[in-house]
Amino acid sequence: MASVSAGVRAPSGKVVAAVSVSGPLERMTRQPGRMHAPAVLAAAERLSESLRRSA
């Protein structure tokens, strides 16, 4: 298994959730961050921003 995760932060800065993708090494490769980190980080940031706006 391989995975890439990024924290979703509340307006206080506390991590309250995570965005993650995971799968078998055969599909994710041994360095899944190279391919998937940009999308995972962007999704986590969008959720964090949404929490900031709704506070």
N, C-alpha and C. Protein backbone atom coordinates (compact mmCIF):
# COMPACT_ATOMS: atom_id res chain seq x y z
N MET A 1 0.83 -1.18 0.00
CA MET A 1 0.00 0.00 0.00
C MET A 1 0.88 1.24 0.00
N ALA A 2 0.37 2.29 -0.60
CA ALA A 2 1.01 3.60 -0.60
C ALA A 2 -0.08 4.63 -0.39
N SER A 3 0.30 5.76 0.20
CA SER A 3 -0.70 6.81 0.41
C SER A 3 -0.05 8.18 0.46
N VAL A 4 -0.90 9.18 0.26
CA VAL A 4 -0.51 10.58 0.36
C VAL A 4 -1.63 11.26 1.14
N SER A 5 -1.27 12.05 2.15
CA SER A 5 -2.28 12.71 2.98
C SER A 5 -1.89 14.16 3.23
N ALA A 6 -2.90 14.97 3.51
CA ALA A 6 -2.68 16.37 3.88
C ALA A 6 -3.75 16.76 4.89
N GLY A 7 -3.35 17.54 5.88
CA GLY A 7 -4.26 17.96 6.92
C GLY A 7 -5.19 19.08 6.48
N VAL A 8 -6.39 19.05 7.01
CA VAL A 8 -7.37 20.12 6.85
C VAL A 8 -7.41 20.86 8.18
N ARG A 9 -7.20 22.17 8.13
CA ARG A 9 -7.08 22.95 9.36
C ARG A 9 -8.30 23.83 9.60
N ALA A 10 -8.68 23.88 10.89
CA ALA A 10 -9.73 24.79 11.34
C ALA A 10 -9.14 26.20 11.38
N PRO A 11 -9.99 27.22 11.51
CA PRO A 11 -9.47 28.59 11.59
C PRO A 11 -8.43 28.79 12.70
N SER A 12 -8.50 27.98 13.75
CA SER A 12 -7.53 28.07 14.84
C SER A 12 -6.17 27.51 14.46
N GLY A 13 -6.10 26.80 13.34
CA GLY A 13 -4.86 26.15 12.92
C GLY A 13 -4.79 24.69 13.29
N LYS A 14 -5.73 24.23 14.11
CA LYS A 14 -5.75 22.84 14.53
C LYS A 14 -6.17 21.94 13.37
N VAL A 15 -5.48 20.82 13.20
CA VAL A 15 -5.86 19.86 12.17
C VAL A 15 -7.13 19.14 12.64
N VAL A 16 -8.18 19.23 11.83
CA VAL A 16 -9.47 18.66 12.19
C VAL A 16 -9.91 17.52 11.26
N ALA A 17 -9.20 17.34 10.17
CA ALA A 17 -9.53 16.29 9.20
C ALA A 17 -8.33 16.09 8.29
N ALA A 18 -8.44 15.14 7.39
CA ALA A 18 -7.38 14.89 6.43
C ALA A 18 -7.98 14.49 5.09
N VAL A 19 -7.26 14.82 4.05
CA VAL A 19 -7.57 14.35 2.70
C VAL A 19 -6.49 13.33 2.39
N SER A 20 -6.89 12.18 1.86
CA SER A 20 -5.93 11.12 1.61
C SER A 20 -6.31 10.33 0.37
N VAL A 21 -5.31 9.88 -0.34
CA VAL A 21 -5.50 8.90 -1.40
C VAL A 21 -4.56 7.74 -1.09
N SER A 22 -5.03 6.54 -1.36
CA SER A 22 -4.19 5.37 -1.11
C SER A 22 -4.53 4.29 -2.12
N GLY A 23 -3.59 3.40 -2.28
CA GLY A 23 -3.81 2.29 -3.20
C GLY A 23 -2.62 1.37 -3.21
N PRO A 24 -2.70 0.30 -3.97
CA PRO A 24 -1.59 -0.65 -4.05
C PRO A 24 -0.38 -0.03 -4.74
N LEU A 25 0.80 -0.48 -4.33
CA LEU A 25 2.04 0.06 -4.92
C LEU A 25 2.05 -0.07 -6.45
N GLU A 26 1.45 -1.11 -6.96
CA GLU A 26 1.46 -1.32 -8.41
C GLU A 26 0.77 -0.17 -9.15
N ARG A 27 -0.19 0.47 -8.49
CA ARG A 27 -0.91 1.58 -9.12
C ARG A 27 -0.40 2.95 -8.68
N MET A 28 0.07 3.03 -7.44
CA MET A 28 0.49 4.31 -6.88
C MET A 28 1.97 4.59 -7.08
N THR A 29 2.77 3.60 -7.36
CA THR A 29 4.23 3.64 -7.46
C THR A 29 4.84 3.77 -6.07
N ARG A 30 6.14 3.67 -5.98
CA ARG A 30 6.82 3.74 -4.69
C ARG A 30 6.98 5.18 -4.20
N GLN A 31 6.71 6.14 -5.03
CA GLN A 31 6.77 7.55 -4.63
C GLN A 31 5.47 8.24 -5.03
N PRO A 32 4.39 7.93 -4.34
CA PRO A 32 3.08 8.45 -4.74
C PRO A 32 2.97 9.96 -4.62
N GLY A 33 3.78 10.56 -3.77
CA GLY A 33 3.73 12.01 -3.59
C GLY A 33 4.04 12.79 -4.86
N ARG A 34 4.92 12.28 -5.66
CA ARG A 34 5.28 12.98 -6.90
C ARG A 34 4.08 13.21 -7.80
N MET A 35 3.21 12.22 -7.87
CA MET A 35 2.06 12.32 -8.76
C MET A 35 0.83 12.91 -8.06
N HIS A 36 0.60 12.55 -6.82
CA HIS A 36 -0.67 12.86 -6.17
C HIS A 36 -0.62 14.00 -5.16
N ALA A 37 0.55 14.37 -4.67
CA ALA A 37 0.62 15.41 -3.63
C ALA A 37 0.01 16.74 -4.06
N PRO A 38 0.25 17.22 -5.27
CA PRO A 38 -0.35 18.51 -5.63
C PRO A 38 -1.88 18.52 -5.51
N ALA A 39 -2.53 17.48 -5.97
CA ALA A 39 -4.00 17.43 -5.90
C ALA A 39 -4.48 17.27 -4.46
N VAL A 40 -3.80 16.45 -3.67
CA VAL A 40 -4.19 16.24 -2.27
C VAL A 40 -4.01 17.52 -1.48
N LEU A 41 -2.88 18.18 -1.65
CA LEU A 41 -2.63 19.44 -0.94
C LEU A 41 -3.63 20.52 -1.35
N ALA A 42 -3.94 20.60 -2.63
CA ALA A 42 -4.89 21.60 -3.11
C ALA A 42 -6.28 21.34 -2.52
N ALA A 43 -6.69 20.08 -2.45
CA ALA A 43 -8.01 19.76 -1.89
C ALA A 43 -8.05 20.11 -0.41
N ALA A 44 -6.99 19.79 0.32
CA ALA A 44 -6.95 20.11 1.75
C ALA A 44 -6.98 21.62 1.97
N GLU A 45 -6.28 22.36 1.14
CA GLU A 45 -6.26 23.82 1.28
C GLU A 45 -7.64 24.41 0.96
N ARG A 46 -8.31 23.88 -0.05
CA ARG A 46 -9.66 24.37 -0.38
C ARG A 46 -10.62 24.12 0.79
N LEU A 47 -10.52 22.96 1.41
CA LEU A 47 -11.38 22.68 2.56
C LEU A 47 -11.03 23.58 3.75
N SER A 48 -9.75 23.79 3.99
CA SER A 48 -9.32 24.67 5.07
C SER A 48 -9.82 26.09 4.83
N GLU A 49 -9.72 26.55 3.61
CA GLU A 49 -10.19 27.90 3.26
C GLU A 49 -11.70 28.01 3.47
N SER A 50 -12.41 26.96 3.10
CA SER A 50 -13.86 26.96 3.30
C SER A 50 -14.21 27.06 4.79
N LEU A 51 -13.46 26.36 5.63
CA LEU A 51 -13.68 26.45 7.07
C LEU A 51 -13.38 27.85 7.59
N ARG A 52 -12.32 28.47 7.06
CA ARG A 52 -11.99 29.85 7.47
C ARG A 52 -13.09 30.82 7.09
N ARG A 53 -13.63 30.67 5.89
CA ARG A 53 -14.70 31.58 5.43
C ARG A 53 -15.99 31.41 6.21
N SER A 54 -16.25 30.19 6.66
CA SER A 54 -17.50 29.94 7.36
C SER A 54 -17.43 30.27 8.85
N ALA A 55 -16.24 30.58 9.34
CA ALA A 55 -16.07 30.88 10.78
C ALA A 55 -16.56 32.27 11.12
